[in-house]
Amino acid sequence: MTAVAQNAFITSEDTVTVEADGKGSIVTYDAELKLEGPPRSVRPAARLTFNQIGDRTAAGLVETLAGERVAA
């Protein structure tokens, strides 16, 4: 499943896939974020913020799904 959200500042394309794996599943979440409005000077700070949000999202998925995080 892919969901796209857009406003004046950012476009977010989030993709979630679920694959069977023995008695469980492998859930993959990928988010691609594109800044639309801010000048290049703020992009490094935005990237850091997006990475922190991604880390919290991954931790929340692991907790909610009672699973473990596997490095890509």
PDB file of N, CA and C in Angstrom:
ATOM      1  N   MET A   1       0.844  -1.160   0.000  1.00  0.00           N
ATOM      2  CA  MET A   1       0.000   0.000   0.000  1.00  0.00           C
ATOM      3  C   MET A   1       0.898   1.234   0.000  1.00  0.00           C
ATOM      4  N   THR A   2       0.545   2.200  -0.816  1.00  0.00           N
ATOM      5  CA  THR A   2       1.272   3.462  -0.853  1.00  0.00           C
ATOM      6  C   THR A   2       0.294   4.609  -0.633  1.00  0.00           C
ATOM      7  N   ALA A   3       0.685   5.540   0.214  1.00  0.00           N
ATOM      8  CA  ALA A   3      -0.112   6.741   0.470  1.00  0.00           C
ATOM      9  C   ALA A   3       0.752   7.961   0.183  1.00  0.00           C
ATOM     10  N   VAL A   4       0.155   8.946  -0.474  1.00  0.00           N
ATOM     11  CA  VAL A   4       0.863  10.181  -0.798  1.00  0.00           C
ATOM     12  C   VAL A   4       0.124  11.345  -0.149  1.00  0.00           C
ATOM     13  N   ALA A   5       0.890  12.201   0.516  1.00  0.00           N
ATOM     14  CA  ALA A   5       0.331  13.417   1.116  1.00  0.00           C
ATOM     15  C   ALA A   5       1.180  14.589   0.663  1.00  0.00           C
ATOM     16  N   GLN A   6       0.533  15.714   0.428  1.00  0.00           N
ATOM     17  CA  GLN A   6       1.276  16.873  -0.067  1.00  0.00           C
ATOM     18  C   GLN A   6       0.649  18.151   0.467  1.00  0.00           C
ATOM     19  N   ASN A   7       1.529  19.100   0.800  1.00  0.00           N
ATOM     20  CA  ASN A   7       1.079  20.447   1.116  1.00  0.00           C
ATOM     21  C   ASN A   7       2.073  21.416   0.485  1.00  0.00           C
ATOM     22  N   ALA A   8       2.037  22.660   0.852  1.00  0.00           N
ATOM     23  CA  ALA A   8       2.898  23.661   0.219  1.00  0.00           C
ATOM     24  C   ALA A   8       4.381  23.458   0.535  1.00  0.00           C
ATOM     25  N   PHE A   9       4.697  22.697   1.580  1.00  0.00           N
ATOM     26  CA  PHE A   9       6.073  22.569   2.041  1.00  0.00           C
ATOM     27  C   PHE A   9       6.706  21.208   1.798  1.00  0.00           C
ATOM     28  N   ILE A  10       5.880  20.157   1.761  1.00  0.00           N
ATOM     29  CA  ILE A  10       6.442  18.805   1.720  1.00  0.00           C
ATOM     30  C   ILE A  10       5.522  17.856   0.952  1.00  0.00           C
ATOM     31  N   THR A  11       6.145  16.885   0.302  1.00  0.00           N
ATOM     32  CA  THR A  11       5.417  15.760  -0.280  1.00  0.00           C
ATOM     33  C   THR A  11       5.944  14.509   0.398  1.00  0.00           C
ATOM     34  N   SER A  12       5.044  13.686   0.894  1.00  0.00           N
ATOM     35  CA  SER A  12       5.406  12.454   1.582  1.00  0.00           C
ATOM     36  C   SER A  12       4.781  11.278   0.845  1.00  0.00           C
ATOM     37  N   GLU A  13       5.612  10.314   0.487  1.00  0.00           N
ATOM     38  CA  GLU A  13       5.122   9.083  -0.124  1.00  0.00           C
ATOM     39  C   GLU A  13       5.520   7.934   0.789  1.00  0.00           C
ATOM     40  N   ASP A  14       4.538   7.324   1.430  1.00  0.00           N
ATOM     41  CA  ASP A  14       4.772   6.265   2.407  1.00  0.00           C
ATOM     42  C   ASP A  14       4.299   4.934   1.820  1.00  0.00           C
ATOM     43  N   THR A  15       5.165   3.928   1.872  1.00  0.00           N
ATOM     44  CA  THR A  15       4.832   2.615   1.343  1.00  0.00           C
ATOM     45  C   THR A  15       5.007   1.569   2.432  1.00  0.00           C
ATOM     46  N   VAL A  16       3.985   0.744   2.617  1.00  0.00           N
ATOM     47  CA  VAL A  16       4.022  -0.351   3.580  1.00  0.00           C
ATOM     48  C   VAL A  16       3.804  -1.652   2.815  1.00  0.00           C
ATOM     49  N   THR A  17       4.703  -2.602   3.025  1.00  0.00           N
ATOM     50  CA  THR A  17       4.531  -3.926   2.430  1.00  0.00           C
ATOM     51  C   THR A  17       4.564  -4.965   3.536  1.00  0.00           C
ATOM     52  N   VAL A  18       3.814  -6.039   3.340  1.00  0.00           N
ATOM     53  CA  VAL A  18       3.773  -7.138   4.304  1.00  0.00           C
ATOM     54  C   VAL A  18       4.005  -8.432   3.530  1.00  0.00           C
ATOM     55  N   GLU A  19       4.999  -9.213   4.002  1.00  0.00           N
ATOM     56  CA  GLU A  19       5.330 -10.481   3.367  1.00  0.00           C
ATOM     57  C   GLU A  19       5.273 -11.592   4.412  1.00  0.00           C
ATOM     58  N   ALA A  20       4.717 -12.733   4.014  1.00  0.00           N
ATOM     59  CA  ALA A  20       4.697 -13.893   4.902  1.00  0.00           C
ATOM     60  C   ALA A  20       6.120 -14.360   5.150  1.00  0.00           C
ATOM     61  N   ASP A  21       6.381 -14.808   6.382  1.00  0.00           N
ATOM     62  CA  ASP A  21       7.706 -15.309   6.743  1.00  0.00           C
ATOM     63  C   ASP A  21       7.542 -16.379   7.813  1.00  0.00           C
ATOM     64  N   GLY A  22       7.418 -17.611   7.392  1.00  0.00           N
ATOM     65  CA  GLY A  22       7.217 -18.702   8.348  1.00  0.00           C
ATOM     66  C   GLY A  22       5.910 -18.520   9.094  1.00  0.00           C
ATOM     67  N   LYS A  23       5.993 -18.423  10.411  1.00  0.00           N
ATOM     68  CA  LYS A  23       4.806 -18.239  11.245  1.00  0.00           C
ATOM     69  C   LYS A  23       4.476 -16.776  11.481  1.00  0.00           C
ATOM     70  N   GLY A  24       5.266 -15.879  10.895  1.00  0.00           N
ATOM     71  CA  GLY A  24       5.051 -14.452  11.093  1.00  0.00           C
ATOM     72  C   GLY A  24       5.042 -13.708   9.782  1.00  0.00           C
ATOM     73  N   SER A  25       5.370 -12.443   9.854  1.00  0.00           N
ATOM     74  CA  SER A  25       5.395 -11.587   8.671  1.00  0.00           C
ATOM     75  C   SER A  25       6.562 -10.615   8.762  1.00  0.00           C
ATOM     76  N   ILE A  26       6.983 -10.147   7.604  1.00  0.00           N
ATOM     77  CA  ILE A  26       7.961  -9.076   7.529  1.00  0.00           C
ATOM     78  C   ILE A  26       7.219  -7.847   7.033  1.00  0.00           C
ATOM     79  N   VAL A  27       7.244  -6.792   7.848  1.00  0.00           N
ATOM     80  CA  VAL A  27       6.587  -5.535   7.499  1.00  0.00           C
ATOM     81  C   VAL A  27       7.683  -4.534   7.154  1.00  0.00           C
ATOM     82  N   THR A  28       7.566  -3.956   5.972  1.00  0.00           N
ATOM     83  CA  THR A  28       8.529  -2.951   5.534  1.00  0.00           C
ATOM     84  C   THR A  28       7.807  -1.625   5.375  1.00  0.00           C
ATOM     85  N   TYR A  29       8.345  -0.595   5.995  1.00  0.00           N
ATOM     86  CA  TYR A  29       7.779   0.756   5.902  1.00  0.00           C
ATOM     87  C   TYR A  29       8.846   1.655   5.305  1.00  0.00           C
ATOM     88  N   ASP A  30       8.502   2.327   4.224  1.00  0.00           N
ATOM     89  CA  ASP A  30       9.439   3.229   3.572  1.00  0.00           C
ATOM     90  C   ASP A  30       8.748   4.566   3.345  1.00  0.00           C
ATOM     91  N   ALA A  31       9.396   5.632   3.727  1.00  0.00           N
ATOM     92  CA  ALA A  31       8.832   6.971   3.526  1.00  0.00           C
ATOM     93  C   ALA A  31       9.831   7.811   2.751  1.00  0.00           C
ATOM     94  N   GLU A  32       9.350   8.421   1.703  1.00  0.00           N
ATOM     95  CA  GLU A  32      10.172   9.348   0.930  1.00  0.00           C
ATOM     96  C   GLU A  32       9.579  10.737   1.102  1.00  0.00           C
ATOM     97  N   LEU A  33      10.375  11.639   1.641  1.00  0.00           N
ATOM     98  CA  LEU A  33       9.919  12.998   1.918  1.00  0.00           C
ATOM     99  C   LEU A  33      10.678  13.970   1.021  1.00  0.00           C
ATOM    100  N   LYS A  34       9.944  14.853   0.388  1.00  0.00           N
ATOM    101  CA  LYS A  34      10.552  15.854  -0.488  1.00  0.00           C
ATOM    102  C   LYS A  34      10.115  17.235  -0.029  1.00  0.00           C
ATOM    103  N   LEU A  35      11.092  18.077   0.266  1.00  0.00           N
ATOM    104  CA  LEU A  35      10.786  19.456   0.632  1.00  0.00           C
ATOM    105  C   LEU A  35      10.415  20.232  -0.621  1.00  0.00           C
ATOM    106  N   GLU A  36       9.342  20.983  -0.540  1.00  0.00           N
ATOM    107  CA  GLU A  36       8.848  21.720  -1.702  1.00  0.00           C
ATOM    108  C   GLU A  36       9.148  23.213  -1.626  1.00  0.00           C
ATOM    109  N   GLY A  37       9.147  23.779  -0.420  1.00  0.00           N
ATOM    110  CA  GLY A  37       9.241  25.217  -0.323  1.00  0.00           C
ATOM    111  C   GLY A  37      10.508  25.794   0.277  1.00  0.00           C
ATOM    112  N   PRO A  38      11.060  25.185   1.330  1.00  0.00           N
ATOM    113  CA  PRO A  38      12.161  25.815   2.049  1.00  0.00           C
ATOM    114  C   PRO A  38      13.424  25.963   1.193  1.00  0.00           C
ATOM    115  N   PRO A  39      14.188  26.998   1.465  1.00  0.00           N
ATOM    116  CA  PRO A  39      15.459  27.165   0.757  1.00  0.00           C
ATOM    117  C   PRO A  39      16.451  26.071   1.159  1.00  0.00           C
ATOM    118  N   ARG A  40      17.466  25.893   0.357  1.00  0.00           N
ATOM    119  CA  ARG A  40      18.471  24.853   0.601  1.00  0.00           C
ATOM    120  C   ARG A  40      19.139  24.987   1.969  1.00  0.00           C
ATOM    121  N   SER A  41      19.222  26.178   2.505  1.00  0.00           N
ATOM    122  CA  SER A  41      19.916  26.395   3.779  1.00  0.00           C
ATOM    123  C   SER A  41      19.248  25.676   4.946  1.00  0.00           C
ATOM    124  N   VAL A  42      17.951  25.401   4.877  1.00  0.00           N
ATOM    125  CA  VAL A  42      17.267  24.716   5.985  1.00  0.00           C
ATOM    126  C   VAL A  42      17.147  23.214   5.755  1.00  0.00           C
ATOM    127  N   ARG A  43      17.541  22.743   4.604  1.00  0.00           N
ATOM    128  CA  ARG A  43      17.364  21.324   4.283  1.00  0.00           C
ATOM    129  C   ARG A  43      18.163  20.377   5.171  1.00  0.00           C
ATOM    130  N   PRO A  44      19.416  20.686   5.542  1.00  0.00           N
ATOM    131  CA  PRO A  44      20.133  19.766   6.447  1.00  0.00           C
ATOM    132  C   PRO A  44      19.411  19.587   7.786  1.00  0.00           C
ATOM    133  N   ALA A  45      18.889  20.666   8.345  1.00  0.00           N
ATOM    134  CA  ALA A  45      18.153  20.573   9.614  1.00  0.00           C
ATOM    135  C   ALA A  45      16.875  19.774   9.422  1.00  0.00           C
ATOM    136  N   ALA A  46      16.210  19.976   8.306  1.00  0.00           N
ATOM    137  CA  ALA A  46      14.981  19.232   8.021  1.00  0.00           C
ATOM    138  C   ALA A  46      15.292  17.745   7.878  1.00  0.00           C
ATOM    139  N   ARG A  47      16.394  17.414   7.224  1.00  0.00           N
ATOM    140  CA  ARG A  47      16.781  16.009   7.055  1.00  0.00           C
ATOM    141  C   ARG A  47      16.992  15.349   8.411  1.00  0.00           C
ATOM    142  N   LEU A  48      17.659  16.045   9.327  1.00  0.00           N
ATOM    143  CA  LEU A  48      17.886  15.522  10.671  1.00  0.00           C
ATOM    144  C   LEU A  48      16.551  15.270  11.373  1.00  0.00           C
ATOM    145  N   THR A  49      15.646  16.233  11.270  1.00  0.00           N
ATOM    146  CA  THR A  49      14.323  16.088  11.885  1.00  0.00           C
ATOM    147  C   THR A  49      13.570  14.907  11.286  1.00  0.00           C
ATOM    148  N   PHE A  50      13.600  14.772   9.961  1.00  0.00           N
ATOM    149  CA  PHE A  50      12.909  13.657   9.301  1.00  0.00           C
ATOM    150  C   PHE A  50      13.487  12.314   9.746  1.00  0.00           C
ATOM    151  N   ASN A  51      14.812  12.245   9.889  1.00  0.00           N
ATOM    152  CA  ASN A  51      15.432  11.003  10.348  1.00  0.00           C
ATOM    153  C   ASN A  51      14.984  10.650  11.765  1.00  0.00           C
ATOM    154  N   GLN A  52      14.876  11.657  12.633  1.00  0.00           N
ATOM    155  CA  GLN A  52      14.415  11.414  14.000  1.00  0.00           C
ATOM    156  C   GLN A  52      12.968  10.928  14.002  1.00  0.00           C
ATOM    157  N   ILE A  53      12.136  11.532  13.173  1.00  0.00           N
ATOM    158  CA  ILE A  53      10.735  11.101  13.057  1.00  0.00           C
ATOM    159  C   ILE A  53      10.683   9.657  12.556  1.00  0.00           C
ATOM    160  N   GLY A  54      11.511   9.341  11.564  1.00  0.00           N
ATOM    161  CA  GLY A  54      11.551   7.977  11.031  1.00  0.00           C
ATOM    162  C   GLY A  54      11.963   6.960  12.073  1.00  0.00           C
ATOM    163  N   ASP A  55      12.949   7.306  12.892  1.00  0.00           N
ATOM    164  CA  ASP A  55      13.384   6.403  13.954  1.00  0.00           C
ATOM    165  C   ASP A  55      12.270   6.158  14.972  1.00  0.00           C
ATOM    166  N   ARG A  56      11.549   7.223  15.332  1.00  0.00           N
ATOM    167  CA  ARG A  56      10.423   7.067  16.275  1.00  0.00           C
ATOM    168  C   ARG A  56       9.309   6.237  15.645  1.00  0.00           C
ATOM    169  N   THR A  57       9.056   6.441  14.363  1.00  0.00           N
ATOM    170  CA  THR A  57       8.025   5.668  13.668  1.00  0.00           C
ATOM    171  C   THR A  57       8.391   4.191  13.662  1.00  0.00           C
ATOM    172  N   ALA A  58       9.644   3.883  13.343  1.00  0.00           N
ATOM    173  CA  ALA A  58      10.093   2.489  13.324  1.00  0.00           C
ATOM    174  C   ALA A  58       9.952   1.857  14.707  1.00  0.00           C
ATOM    175  N   ALA A  59      10.346   2.579  15.747  1.00  0.00           N
ATOM    176  CA  ALA A  59      10.226   2.054  17.114  1.00  0.00           C
ATOM    177  C   ALA A  59       8.768   1.807  17.469  1.00  0.00           C
ATOM    178  N   GLY A  60       7.885   2.707  17.049  1.00  0.00           N
ATOM    179  CA  GLY A  60       6.454   2.530  17.315  1.00  0.00           C
ATOM    180  C   GLY A  60       5.884   1.319  16.603  1.00  0.00           C
ATOM    181  N   LEU A  61       6.311   1.085  15.362  1.00  0.00           N
ATOM    182  CA  LEU A  61       5.850  -0.095  14.630  1.00  0.00           C
ATOM    183  C   LEU A  61       6.330  -1.376  15.291  1.00  0.00           C
ATOM    184  N   VAL A  62       7.589  -1.394  15.696  1.00  0.00           N
ATOM    185  CA  VAL A  62       8.125  -2.573  16.369  1.00  0.00           C
ATOM    186  C   VAL A  62       7.325  -2.869  17.631  1.00  0.00           C
ATOM    187  N   GLU A  63       7.064  -1.838  18.408  1.00  0.00           N
ATOM    188  CA  GLU A  63       6.294  -2.027  19.650  1.00  0.00           C
ATOM    189  C   GLU A  63       4.872  -2.474  19.360  1.00  0.00           C
ATOM    190  N   THR A  64       4.195  -1.801  18.450  1.00  0.00           N
ATOM    191  CA  THR A  64       2.808  -2.112  18.133  1.00  0.00           C
ATOM    192  C   THR A  64       2.662  -3.527  17.574  1.00  0.00           C
ATOM    193  N   LEU A  65       3.604  -3.927  16.732  1.00  0.00           N
ATOM    194  CA  LEU A  65       3.525  -5.236  16.098  1.00  0.00           C
ATOM    195  C   LEU A  65       4.210  -6.337  16.904  1.00  0.00           C
ATOM    196  N   ALA A  66       4.741  -5.973  18.088  1.00  0.00           N
ATOM    197  CA  ALA A  66       5.434  -6.911  18.963  1.00  0.00           C
ATOM    198  C   ALA A  66       6.501  -7.666  18.186  1.00  0.00           C
ATOM    199  N   GLY A  67       7.325  -6.919  17.463  1.00  0.00           N
ATOM    200  CA  GLY A  67       8.352  -7.536  16.626  1.00  0.00           C
ATOM    201  C   GLY A  67       9.728  -7.055  16.961  1.00  0.00           C
ATOM    202  N   GLU A  68      10.593  -7.109  15.966  1.00  0.00           N
ATOM    203  CA  GLU A  68      11.955  -6.621  16.118  1.00  0.00           C
ATOM    204  C   GLU A  68      12.343  -5.875  14.862  1.00  0.00           C
ATOM    205  N   ARG A  69      13.236  -4.927  15.021  1.00  0.00           N
ATOM    206  CA  ARG A  69      13.705  -4.141  13.872  1.00  0.00           C
ATOM    207  C   ARG A  69      14.885  -4.862  13.229  1.00  0.00           C
ATOM    208  N   VAL A  70      14.806  -4.989  11.924  1.00  0.00           N
ATOM    209  CA  VAL A  70      15.875  -5.623  11.166  1.00  0.00           C
ATOM    210  C   VAL A  70      16.475  -4.569  10.267  1.00  0.00           C
ATOM    211  N   ALA A  71      17.788  -4.441  10.282  1.00  0.00           N
ATOM    212  CA  ALA A  71      18.458  -3.443   9.460  1.00  0.00           C
ATOM    213  C   ALA A  71      18.225  -3.742   7.978  1.00  0.00           C
ATOM    214  N   ALA A  72      18.096  -2.671   7.203  1.00  0.00           N
ATOM    215  CA  ALA A  72      17.865  -2.823   5.758  1.00  0.00           C
ATOM    216  C   ALA A  72      19.125  -3.260   5.073  1.00  0.00           C
TER     217      ALA A  72
END
